All heavy atoms as atom14 arrays in JSON, in Angstrom:
{
  "sequence": "GLRALRITDPELSGRVALAWRTDGPSGPAARRLLTLLRAAVPATDRP",
  "atom14_mask": [
    [1, 1, 1, 1, 0, 0, 0, 0, 0, 0, 0, 0, 0, 0],
    [1, 1, 1, 1, 1, 1, 1, 1, 0, 0, 0, 0, 0, 0],
    [1, 1, 1, 1, 1, 1, 1, 1, 1, 1, 1, 0, 0, 0],
    [1, 1, 1, 1, 1, 0, 0, 0, 0, 0, 0, 0, 0, 0],
    [1, 1, 1, 1, 1, 1, 1, 1, 0, 0, 0, 0, 0, 0],
    [1, 1, 1, 1, 1, 1, 1, 1, 1, 1, 1, 0, 0, 0],
    [1, 1, 1, 1, 1, 1, 1, 1, 0, 0, 0, 0, 0, 0],
    [1, 1, 1, 1, 1, 1, 1, 0, 0, 0, 0, 0, 0, 0],
    [1, 1, 1, 1, 1, 1, 1, 1, 0, 0, 0, 0, 0, 0],
    [1, 1, 1, 1, 1, 1, 1, 0, 0, 0, 0, 0, 0, 0],
    [1, 1, 1, 1, 1, 1, 1, 1, 1, 0, 0, 0, 0, 0],
    [1, 1, 1, 1, 1, 1, 1, 1, 0, 0, 0, 0, 0, 0],
    [1, 1, 1, 1, 1, 1, 0, 0, 0, 0, 0, 0, 0, 0],
    [1, 1, 1, 1, 0, 0, 0, 0, 0, 0, 0, 0, 0, 0],
    [1, 1, 1, 1, 1, 1, 1, 1, 1, 1, 1, 0, 0, 0],
    [1, 1, 1, 1, 1, 1, 1, 0, 0, 0, 0, 0, 0, 0],
    [1, 1, 1, 1, 1, 0, 0, 0, 0, 0, 0, 0, 0, 0],
    [1, 1, 1, 1, 1, 1, 1, 1, 0, 0, 0, 0, 0, 0],
    [1, 1, 1, 1, 1, 0, 0, 0, 0, 0, 0, 0, 0, 0],
    [1, 1, 1, 1, 1, 1, 1, 1, 1, 1, 1, 1, 1, 1],
    [1, 1, 1, 1, 1, 1, 1, 1, 1, 1, 1, 0, 0, 0],
    [1, 1, 1, 1, 1, 1, 1, 0, 0, 0, 0, 0, 0, 0],
    [1, 1, 1, 1, 1, 1, 1, 1, 0, 0, 0, 0, 0, 0],
    [1, 1, 1, 1, 0, 0, 0, 0, 0, 0, 0, 0, 0, 0],
    [1, 1, 1, 1, 1, 1, 1, 0, 0, 0, 0, 0, 0, 0],
    [1, 1, 1, 1, 1, 1, 0, 0, 0, 0, 0, 0, 0, 0],
    [1, 1, 1, 1, 0, 0, 0, 0, 0, 0, 0, 0, 0, 0],
    [1, 1, 1, 1, 1, 1, 1, 0, 0, 0, 0, 0, 0, 0],
    [1, 1, 1, 1, 1, 0, 0, 0, 0, 0, 0, 0, 0, 0],
    [1, 1, 1, 1, 1, 0, 0, 0, 0, 0, 0, 0, 0, 0],
    [1, 1, 1, 1, 1, 1, 1, 1, 1, 1, 1, 0, 0, 0],
    [1, 1, 1, 1, 1, 1, 1, 1, 1, 1, 1, 0, 0, 0],
    [1, 1, 1, 1, 1, 1, 1, 1, 0, 0, 0, 0, 0, 0],
    [1, 1, 1, 1, 1, 1, 1, 1, 0, 0, 0, 0, 0, 0],
    [1, 1, 1, 1, 1, 1, 1, 0, 0, 0, 0, 0, 0, 0],
    [1, 1, 1, 1, 1, 1, 1, 1, 0, 0, 0, 0, 0, 0],
    [1, 1, 1, 1, 1, 1, 1, 1, 0, 0, 0, 0, 0, 0],
    [1, 1, 1, 1, 1, 1, 1, 1, 1, 1, 1, 0, 0, 0],
    [1, 1, 1, 1, 1, 0, 0, 0, 0, 0, 0, 0, 0, 0],
    [1, 1, 1, 1, 1, 0, 0, 0, 0, 0, 0, 0, 0, 0],
    [1, 1, 1, 1, 1, 1, 1, 0, 0, 0, 0, 0, 0, 0],
    [1, 1, 1, 1, 1, 1, 1, 0, 0, 0, 0, 0, 0, 0],
    [1, 1, 1, 1, 1, 0, 0, 0, 0, 0, 0, 0, 0, 0],
    [1, 1, 1, 1, 1, 1, 1, 0, 0, 0, 0, 0, 0, 0],
    [1, 1, 1, 1, 1, 1, 1, 1, 0, 0, 0, 0, 0, 0],
    [1, 1, 1, 1, 1, 1, 1, 1, 1, 1, 1, 0, 0, 0],
    [1, 1, 1, 1, 1, 1, 1, 0, 0, 0, 0, 0, 0, 0]
  ],
  "atom14_positions": [
    [[118.26, 74.1, 80.39], [117.68, 73.84, 79.08], [116.31, 74.45, 78.87], [115.72, 74.27, 77.81], [0.0, 0.0, 0.0], [0.0, 0.0, 0.0], [0.0, 0.0, 0.0], [0.0, 0.0, 0.0], [0.0, 0.0, 0.0], [0.0, 0.0, 0.0], [0.0, 0.0, 0.0], [0.0, 0.0, 0.0], [0.0, 0.0, 0.0], [0.0, 0.0, 0.0]],
    [[115.78, 75.16, 79.84], [114.46, 75.77, 79.71], [114.63, 77.27, 79.57], [115.45, 77.88, 80.26], [113.61, 75.46, 80.94], [112.12, 75.8, 80.81], [111.44, 74.84, 79.86], [111.45, 75.75, 82.16], [0.0, 0.0, 0.0], [0.0, 0.0, 0.0], [0.0, 0.0, 0.0], [0.0, 0.0, 0.0], [0.0, 0.0, 0.0], [0.0, 0.0, 0.0]],
    [[113.89, 77.88, 78.67], [113.93, 79.33, 78.49], [112.55, 79.9, 78.8], [111.54, 79.36, 78.37], [114.3, 79.7, 77.05], [115.66, 79.25, 76.63], [116.74, 80.03, 77.4], [118.06, 79.62, 77.0], [118.79, 78.71, 77.62], [118.32, 78.1, 78.67], [119.99, 78.39, 77.18], [0.0, 0.0, 0.0], [0.0, 0.0, 0.0], [0.0, 0.0, 0.0]],
    [[112.53, 80.98, 79.53], [111.28, 81.67, 79.86], [111.17, 82.92, 79.01], [112.1, 83.72, 78.96], [111.24, 82.02, 81.34], [0.0, 0.0, 0.0], [0.0, 0.0, 0.0], [0.0, 0.0, 0.0], [0.0, 0.0, 0.0], [0.0, 0.0, 0.0], [0.0, 0.0, 0.0], [0.0, 0.0, 0.0], [0.0, 0.0, 0.0], [0.0, 0.0, 0.0]],
    [[110.07, 83.06, 78.33], [109.82, 84.21, 77.47], [108.58, 84.93, 77.98], [107.56, 84.31, 78.28], [109.58, 83.73, 76.03], [110.66, 82.83, 75.43], [110.17, 82.22, 74.13], [111.93, 83.61, 75.23], [0.0, 0.0, 0.0], [0.0, 0.0, 0.0], [0.0, 0.0, 0.0], [0.0, 0.0, 0.0], [0.0, 0.0, 0.0], [0.0, 0.0, 0.0]],
    [[108.68, 86.26, 78.07], [107.51, 87.05, 78.45], [106.45, 86.94, 77.35], [106.78, 86.96, 76.18], [107.88, 88.52, 78.61], [108.53, 88.89, 79.9], [108.76, 90.4, 80.02], [108.71, 91.17, 78.79], [109.72, 91.3, 77.92], [110.86, 90.7, 78.13], [109.59, 92.03, 76.84], [0.0, 0.0, 0.0], [0.0, 0.0, 0.0], [0.0, 0.0, 0.0]],
    [[105.22, 86.83, 77.76], [104.12, 86.87, 76.79], [103.7, 88.32, 76.67], [103.37, 88.96, 77.66], [102.95, 85.97, 77.22], [103.41, 84.51, 77.31], [101.79, 86.11, 76.25], [102.39, 83.57, 77.9], [0.0, 0.0, 0.0], [0.0, 0.0, 0.0], [0.0, 0.0, 0.0], [0.0, 0.0, 0.0], [0.0, 0.0, 0.0], [0.0, 0.0, 0.0]],
    [[103.75, 88.84, 75.45], [103.44, 90.24, 75.21], [102.3, 90.35, 74.21], [101.91, 89.38, 73.58], [104.68, 90.98, 74.66], [105.04, 90.39, 73.41], [105.85, 90.89, 75.62], [0.0, 0.0, 0.0], [0.0, 0.0, 0.0], [0.0, 0.0, 0.0], [0.0, 0.0, 0.0], [0.0, 0.0, 0.0], [0.0, 0.0, 0.0], [0.0, 0.0, 0.0]],
    [[101.83, 91.52, 74.06], [100.86, 91.86, 73.01], [99.66, 90.94, 72.99], [99.45, 90.25, 72.01], [101.57, 91.9, 71.66], [100.7, 92.58, 70.59], [99.83, 93.38, 70.95], [100.91, 92.28, 69.41], [0.0, 0.0, 0.0], [0.0, 0.0, 0.0], [0.0, 0.0, 0.0], [0.0, 0.0, 0.0], [0.0, 0.0, 0.0], [0.0, 0.0, 0.0]],
    [[98.87, 90.88, 74.06], [98.94, 91.67, 75.28], [99.79, 90.96, 76.34], [99.98, 89.75, 76.3], [97.49, 91.73, 75.74], [96.94, 90.4, 75.34], [97.62, 90.1, 74.02], [0.0, 0.0, 0.0], [0.0, 0.0, 0.0], [0.0, 0.0, 0.0], [0.0, 0.0, 0.0], [0.0, 0.0, 0.0], [0.0, 0.0, 0.0], [0.0, 0.0, 0.0]],
    [[100.28, 91.76, 77.28], [100.97, 91.18, 78.42], [99.92, 90.61, 79.36], [98.91, 91.24, 79.61], [101.8, 92.24, 79.14], [103.26, 91.93, 79.04], [104.12, 92.91, 79.78], [104.12, 92.87, 81.02], [104.79, 93.67, 79.08], [0.0, 0.0, 0.0], [0.0, 0.0, 0.0], [0.0, 0.0, 0.0], [0.0, 0.0, 0.0], [0.0, 0.0, 0.0]],
    [[100.17, 89.4, 79.83], [99.21, 88.76, 80.73], [99.6, 89.05, 82.16], [100.78, 89.05, 82.51], [99.21, 87.25, 80.5], [98.98, 86.77, 79.06], [98.93, 85.25, 79.01], [97.71, 87.36, 78.49], [0.0, 0.0, 0.0], [0.0, 0.0, 0.0], [0.0, 0.0, 0.0], [0.0, 0.0, 0.0], [0.0, 0.0, 0.0], [0.0, 0.0, 0.0]],
    [[98.61, 89.29, 82.98], [98.89, 89.48, 84.41], [97.7, 88.98, 85.2], [96.57, 88.96, 84.72], [99.18, 90.94, 84.72], [98.03, 91.73, 84.53], [0.0, 0.0, 0.0], [0.0, 0.0, 0.0], [0.0, 0.0, 0.0], [0.0, 0.0, 0.0], [0.0, 0.0, 0.0], [0.0, 0.0, 0.0], [0.0, 0.0, 0.0], [0.0, 0.0, 0.0]],
    [[97.99, 88.57, 86.39], [96.95, 88.1, 87.29], [97.28, 88.56, 88.69], [98.33, 89.15, 88.94], [0.0, 0.0, 0.0], [0.0, 0.0, 0.0], [0.0, 0.0, 0.0], [0.0, 0.0, 0.0], [0.0, 0.0, 0.0], [0.0, 0.0, 0.0], [0.0, 0.0, 0.0], [0.0, 0.0, 0.0], [0.0, 0.0, 0.0], [0.0, 0.0, 0.0]],
    [[96.41, 88.3, 89.6], [96.6, 88.73, 90.99], [96.44, 87.52, 91.89], [95.54, 86.7, 91.7], [95.55, 89.77, 91.34], [95.67, 90.28, 92.75], [94.64, 91.33, 93.01], [94.97, 92.49, 92.2], [95.07, 93.71, 92.69], [94.83, 93.92, 93.95], [95.38, 94.71, 91.91], [0.0, 0.0, 0.0], [0.0, 0.0, 0.0], [0.0, 0.0, 0.0]],
    [[97.31, 87.42, 92.85], [97.21, 86.39, 93.88], [96.74, 87.09, 95.15], [97.31, 88.1, 95.55], [98.58, 85.71, 94.13], [98.5, 84.74, 95.29], [99.06, 85.01, 92.87], [0.0, 0.0, 0.0], [0.0, 0.0, 0.0], [0.0, 0.0, 0.0], [0.0, 0.0, 0.0], [0.0, 0.0, 0.0], [0.0, 0.0, 0.0], [0.0, 0.0, 0.0]],
    [[95.69, 86.55, 95.73], [95.17, 87.14, 96.96], [95.23, 86.11, 98.07], [94.98, 84.92, 97.86], [93.72, 87.59, 96.74], [0.0, 0.0, 0.0], [0.0, 0.0, 0.0], [0.0, 0.0, 0.0], [0.0, 0.0, 0.0], [0.0, 0.0, 0.0], [0.0, 0.0, 0.0], [0.0, 0.0, 0.0], [0.0, 0.0, 0.0], [0.0, 0.0, 0.0]],
    [[95.59, 86.57, 99.24], [95.62, 85.72, 100.43], [94.63, 86.28, 101.43], [94.52, 87.49, 101.6], [97.02, 85.72, 101.05], [98.16, 85.27, 100.16], [99.49, 85.47, 100.87], [97.98, 83.83, 99.75], [0.0, 0.0, 0.0], [0.0, 0.0, 0.0], [0.0, 0.0, 0.0], [0.0, 0.0, 0.0], [0.0, 0.0, 0.0], [0.0, 0.0, 0.0]],
    [[93.92, 85.4, 102.09], [92.96, 85.84, 103.11], [93.15, 84.98, 104.35], [93.44, 83.78, 104.24], [91.53, 85.7, 102.59], [0.0, 0.0, 0.0], [0.0, 0.0, 0.0], [0.0, 0.0, 0.0], [0.0, 0.0, 0.0], [0.0, 0.0, 0.0], [0.0, 0.0, 0.0], [0.0, 0.0, 0.0], [0.0, 0.0, 0.0], [0.0, 0.0, 0.0]],
    [[93.02, 85.59, 105.51], [93.1, 84.86, 106.75], [92.24, 85.56, 107.78], [91.82, 86.69, 107.59], [94.55, 84.7, 107.23], [95.29, 85.98, 107.4], [95.39, 86.73, 108.53], [96.05, 86.68, 106.41], [96.15, 87.84, 108.31], [96.58, 87.82, 107.01], [96.35, 86.44, 105.07], [97.37, 88.74, 106.32], [97.14, 87.34, 104.39], [97.64, 88.47, 105.01]],
    [[91.99, 84.85, 108.86], [91.15, 85.4, 109.93], [91.82, 86.62, 110.52], [93.04, 86.75, 110.51], [90.92, 84.36, 111.02], [90.14, 83.18, 110.52], [89.94, 82.11, 111.55], [90.57, 82.37, 112.83], [90.62, 81.51, 113.83], [90.08, 80.32, 113.67], [91.19, 81.8, 114.96], [0.0, 0.0, 0.0], [0.0, 0.0, 0.0], [0.0, 0.0, 0.0]],
    [[91.04, 87.53, 111.07], [91.59, 88.77, 111.62], [92.55, 88.51, 112.78], [93.44, 89.3, 113.02], [90.48, 89.72, 112.09], [89.65, 89.05, 113.04], [89.65, 90.2, 110.92], [0.0, 0.0, 0.0], [0.0, 0.0, 0.0], [0.0, 0.0, 0.0], [0.0, 0.0, 0.0], [0.0, 0.0, 0.0], [0.0, 0.0, 0.0], [0.0, 0.0, 0.0]],
    [[92.37, 87.4, 113.49], [93.31, 87.1, 114.58], [94.51, 86.29, 114.09], [95.31, 85.81, 114.88], [92.6, 86.4, 115.75], [91.98, 85.06, 115.35], [91.86, 84.78, 114.14], [91.61, 84.3, 116.27], [0.0, 0.0, 0.0], [0.0, 0.0, 0.0], [0.0, 0.0, 0.0], [0.0, 0.0, 0.0], [0.0, 0.0, 0.0], [0.0, 0.0, 0.0]],
    [[94.65, 86.16, 112.78], [95.8, 85.47, 112.2], [95.55, 83.99, 112.01], [94.58, 83.44, 112.53], [0.0, 0.0, 0.0], [0.0, 0.0, 0.0], [0.0, 0.0, 0.0], [0.0, 0.0, 0.0], [0.0, 0.0, 0.0], [0.0, 0.0, 0.0], [0.0, 0.0, 0.0], [0.0, 0.0, 0.0], [0.0, 0.0, 0.0], [0.0, 0.0, 0.0]],
    [[96.41, 83.32, 111.27], [96.26, 81.88, 111.08], [96.37, 81.16, 112.43], [97.16, 81.57, 113.29], [97.44, 81.51, 110.18], [97.87, 82.79, 109.54], [97.52, 83.87, 110.52], [0.0, 0.0, 0.0], [0.0, 0.0, 0.0], [0.0, 0.0, 0.0], [0.0, 0.0, 0.0], [0.0, 0.0, 0.0], [0.0, 0.0, 0.0], [0.0, 0.0, 0.0]],
    [[95.61, 80.1, 112.59], [95.55, 79.45, 113.89], [96.69, 78.47, 114.15], [97.08, 78.28, 115.29], [94.21, 78.74, 114.06], [94.05, 77.79, 113.02], [0.0, 0.0, 0.0], [0.0, 0.0, 0.0], [0.0, 0.0, 0.0], [0.0, 0.0, 0.0], [0.0, 0.0, 0.0], [0.0, 0.0, 0.0], [0.0, 0.0, 0.0], [0.0, 0.0, 0.0]],
    [[97.21, 77.83, 113.13], [98.24, 76.83, 113.35], [99.62, 77.28, 112.94], [99.77, 78.2, 112.13], [0.0, 0.0, 0.0], [0.0, 0.0, 0.0], [0.0, 0.0, 0.0], [0.0, 0.0, 0.0], [0.0, 0.0, 0.0], [0.0, 0.0, 0.0], [0.0, 0.0, 0.0], [0.0, 0.0, 0.0], [0.0, 0.0, 0.0], [0.0, 0.0, 0.0]],
    [[100.65, 76.64, 113.46], [102.02, 77.03, 113.11], [102.34, 76.82, 111.63], [103.05, 77.62, 111.03], [102.9, 76.16, 114.0], [102.03, 75.1, 114.55], [100.62, 75.58, 114.46], [0.0, 0.0, 0.0], [0.0, 0.0, 0.0], [0.0, 0.0, 0.0], [0.0, 0.0, 0.0], [0.0, 0.0, 0.0], [0.0, 0.0, 0.0], [0.0, 0.0, 0.0]],
    [[101.82, 75.77, 111.03], [102.08, 75.53, 109.6], [101.46, 76.64, 108.75], [102.09, 77.14, 107.81], [101.55, 74.16, 109.18], [0.0, 0.0, 0.0], [0.0, 0.0, 0.0], [0.0, 0.0, 0.0], [0.0, 0.0, 0.0], [0.0, 0.0, 0.0], [0.0, 0.0, 0.0], [0.0, 0.0, 0.0], [0.0, 0.0, 0.0], [0.0, 0.0, 0.0]],
    [[100.24, 77.04, 109.08], [99.58, 78.11, 108.33], [100.31, 79.43, 108.51], [100.47, 80.2, 107.57], [98.12, 78.23, 108.75], [0.0, 0.0, 0.0], [0.0, 0.0, 0.0], [0.0, 0.0, 0.0], [0.0, 0.0, 0.0], [0.0, 0.0, 0.0], [0.0, 0.0, 0.0], [0.0, 0.0, 0.0], [0.0, 0.0, 0.0], [0.0, 0.0, 0.0]],
    [[100.77, 79.7, 109.73], [101.54, 80.93, 109.97], [102.83, 80.93, 109.16], [103.21, 81.93, 108.57], [101.82, 81.11, 111.46], [100.6, 81.52, 112.27], [100.96, 81.97, 113.67], [101.66, 80.97, 114.46], [101.06, 80.05, 115.22], [99.73, 80.03, 115.3], [101.76, 79.19, 115.92], [0.0, 0.0, 0.0], [0.0, 0.0, 0.0], [0.0, 0.0, 0.0]],
    [[103.52, 79.79, 109.14], [104.78, 79.69, 108.38], [104.51, 79.85, 106.89], [105.25, 80.55, 106.19], [105.45, 78.35, 108.68], [106.72, 78.13, 107.92], [107.82, 79.04, 108.44], [109.04, 78.74, 107.7], [109.91, 79.63, 107.31], [109.75, 80.9, 107.65], [110.97, 79.3, 106.63], [0.0, 0.0, 0.0], [0.0, 0.0, 0.0], [0.0, 0.0, 0.0]],
    [[103.46, 79.2, 106.38], [103.11, 79.34, 104.96], [102.83, 80.79, 104.62], [103.33, 81.31, 103.62], [101.89, 78.47, 104.62], [101.36, 78.62, 103.19], [102.41, 78.17, 102.17], [100.07, 77.84, 103.03], [0.0, 0.0, 0.0], [0.0, 0.0, 0.0], [0.0, 0.0, 0.0], [0.0, 0.0, 0.0], [0.0, 0.0, 0.0], [0.0, 0.0, 0.0]],
    [[102.07, 81.47, 105.44], [101.76, 82.87, 105.2], [103.03, 83.72, 105.19], [103.21, 84.59, 104.34], [100.75, 83.39, 106.22], [100.29, 84.82, 106.04], [99.65, 85.03, 104.68], [99.32, 85.2, 107.14], [0.0, 0.0, 0.0], [0.0, 0.0, 0.0], [0.0, 0.0, 0.0], [0.0, 0.0, 0.0], [0.0, 0.0, 0.0], [0.0, 0.0, 0.0]],
    [[103.94, 83.45, 106.11], [105.21, 84.18, 106.15], [105.98, 83.97, 104.86], [106.49, 84.94, 104.26], [106.06, 83.72, 107.36], [105.34, 84.02, 108.55], [107.41, 84.42, 107.37], [0.0, 0.0, 0.0], [0.0, 0.0, 0.0], [0.0, 0.0, 0.0], [0.0, 0.0, 0.0], [0.0, 0.0, 0.0], [0.0, 0.0, 0.0], [0.0, 0.0, 0.0]],
    [[106.08, 82.73, 104.4], [106.81, 82.44, 103.16], [106.15, 83.08, 101.95], [106.82, 83.64, 101.08], [106.93, 80.93, 102.96], [107.81, 80.2, 103.96], [107.68, 78.69, 103.78], [109.26, 80.64, 103.83], [0.0, 0.0, 0.0], [0.0, 0.0, 0.0], [0.0, 0.0, 0.0], [0.0, 0.0, 0.0], [0.0, 0.0, 0.0], [0.0, 0.0, 0.0]],
    [[104.83, 82.99, 101.88], [104.11, 83.58, 100.74], [104.26, 85.09, 100.72], [104.46, 85.69, 99.66], [102.64, 83.19, 100.77], [102.34, 81.74, 100.43], [100.88, 81.41, 100.7], [102.7, 81.44, 98.99], [0.0, 0.0, 0.0], [0.0, 0.0, 0.0], [0.0, 0.0, 0.0], [0.0, 0.0, 0.0], [0.0, 0.0, 0.0], [0.0, 0.0, 0.0]],
    [[104.16, 85.73, 101.87], [104.28, 87.18, 101.91], [105.68, 87.62, 101.52], [105.87, 88.69, 100.94], [103.91, 87.71, 103.29], [102.4, 87.55, 103.56], [102.04, 88.01, 104.92], [101.94, 89.48, 104.9], [101.76, 90.19, 105.99], [101.71, 89.61, 107.17], [101.67, 91.5, 105.9], [0.0, 0.0, 0.0], [0.0, 0.0, 0.0], [0.0, 0.0, 0.0]],
    [[106.68, 86.8, 101.8], [108.06, 87.13, 101.42], [108.29, 86.9, 99.92], [109.06, 87.61, 99.29], [109.04, 86.3, 102.23], [0.0, 0.0, 0.0], [0.0, 0.0, 0.0], [0.0, 0.0, 0.0], [0.0, 0.0, 0.0], [0.0, 0.0, 0.0], [0.0, 0.0, 0.0], [0.0, 0.0, 0.0], [0.0, 0.0, 0.0], [0.0, 0.0, 0.0]],
    [[107.63, 85.89, 99.35], [107.88, 85.5, 97.96], [107.05, 86.27, 96.94], [107.47, 86.46, 95.82], [107.63, 84.01, 97.79], [0.0, 0.0, 0.0], [0.0, 0.0, 0.0], [0.0, 0.0, 0.0], [0.0, 0.0, 0.0], [0.0, 0.0, 0.0], [0.0, 0.0, 0.0], [0.0, 0.0, 0.0], [0.0, 0.0, 0.0], [0.0, 0.0, 0.0]],
    [[105.86, 86.69, 97.34], [104.94, 87.32, 96.39], [104.98, 88.83, 96.6], [104.74, 89.3, 97.72], [103.5, 86.79, 96.6], [102.52, 87.49, 95.69], [103.46, 85.29, 96.36], [0.0, 0.0, 0.0], [0.0, 0.0, 0.0], [0.0, 0.0, 0.0], [0.0, 0.0, 0.0], [0.0, 0.0, 0.0], [0.0, 0.0, 0.0], [0.0, 0.0, 0.0]],
    [[105.28, 89.58, 95.55], [105.27, 91.04, 95.71], [103.88, 91.51, 96.11], [102.89, 91.1, 95.54], [105.63, 91.57, 94.32], [106.09, 90.4, 93.53], [105.59, 89.16, 94.21], [0.0, 0.0, 0.0], [0.0, 0.0, 0.0], [0.0, 0.0, 0.0], [0.0, 0.0, 0.0], [0.0, 0.0, 0.0], [0.0, 0.0, 0.0], [0.0, 0.0, 0.0]],
    [[103.83, 92.35, 97.1], [102.54, 92.82, 97.61], [102.21, 94.17, 97.04], [103.04, 95.06, 96.99], [102.57, 92.9, 99.13], [0.0, 0.0, 0.0], [0.0, 0.0, 0.0], [0.0, 0.0, 0.0], [0.0, 0.0, 0.0], [0.0, 0.0, 0.0], [0.0, 0.0, 0.0], [0.0, 0.0, 0.0], [0.0, 0.0, 0.0], [0.0, 0.0, 0.0]],
    [[100.98, 94.31, 96.59], [100.5, 95.62, 96.15], [99.63, 96.24, 97.22], [99.53, 97.44, 97.33], [99.72, 95.51, 94.84], [98.67, 94.58, 95.0], [100.64, 95.06, 93.71], [0.0, 0.0, 0.0], [0.0, 0.0, 0.0], [0.0, 0.0, 0.0], [0.0, 0.0, 0.0], [0.0, 0.0, 0.0], [0.0, 0.0, 0.0], [0.0, 0.0, 0.0]],
    [[98.99, 95.4, 98.01], [98.11, 95.87, 99.07], [98.46, 95.13, 100.35], [97.67, 94.36, 100.87], [96.64, 95.62, 98.71], [96.21, 96.38, 97.47], [96.45, 97.6, 97.41], [95.65, 95.74, 96.58], [0.0, 0.0, 0.0], [0.0, 0.0, 0.0], [0.0, 0.0, 0.0], [0.0, 0.0, 0.0], [0.0, 0.0, 0.0], [0.0, 0.0, 0.0]],
    [[99.65, 95.35, 100.85], [100.1, 94.66, 102.07], [99.24, 95.1, 103.24], [99.06, 96.3, 103.45], [101.57, 95.0, 102.29], [102.2, 94.41, 103.5], [102.78, 93.07, 103.36], [103.7, 92.96, 102.26], [104.31, 91.82, 102.0], [104.09, 90.77, 102.74], [105.12, 91.72, 100.99], [0.0, 0.0, 0.0], [0.0, 0.0, 0.0], [0.0, 0.0, 0.0]],
    [[98.69, 94.14, 104.01], [97.83, 94.52, 105.13], [98.61, 95.28, 106.2], [99.78, 95.01, 106.43], [97.31, 93.19, 105.68], [98.12, 92.13, 105.06], [98.82, 92.71, 103.87], [0.0, 0.0, 0.0], [0.0, 0.0, 0.0], [0.0, 0.0, 0.0], [0.0, 0.0, 0.0], [0.0, 0.0, 0.0], [0.0, 0.0, 0.0], [0.0, 0.0, 0.0]]
  ]
}
C-alpha cells in the first residue's frame, strides 16, 4: 500500500560516509555492521 516516488526538479541526493580506524573495527559486531553496510550501500569511493 505504499508508493515511492522520486523527488525531481531538483533531484535530491546525499552521501553516506563510513569511517573506521586504519586497523579496522575492533569488535565483531562493528566488523559485521561494516560488512553489511558496505554490501548494502553503493560505494563511490571504496577504500
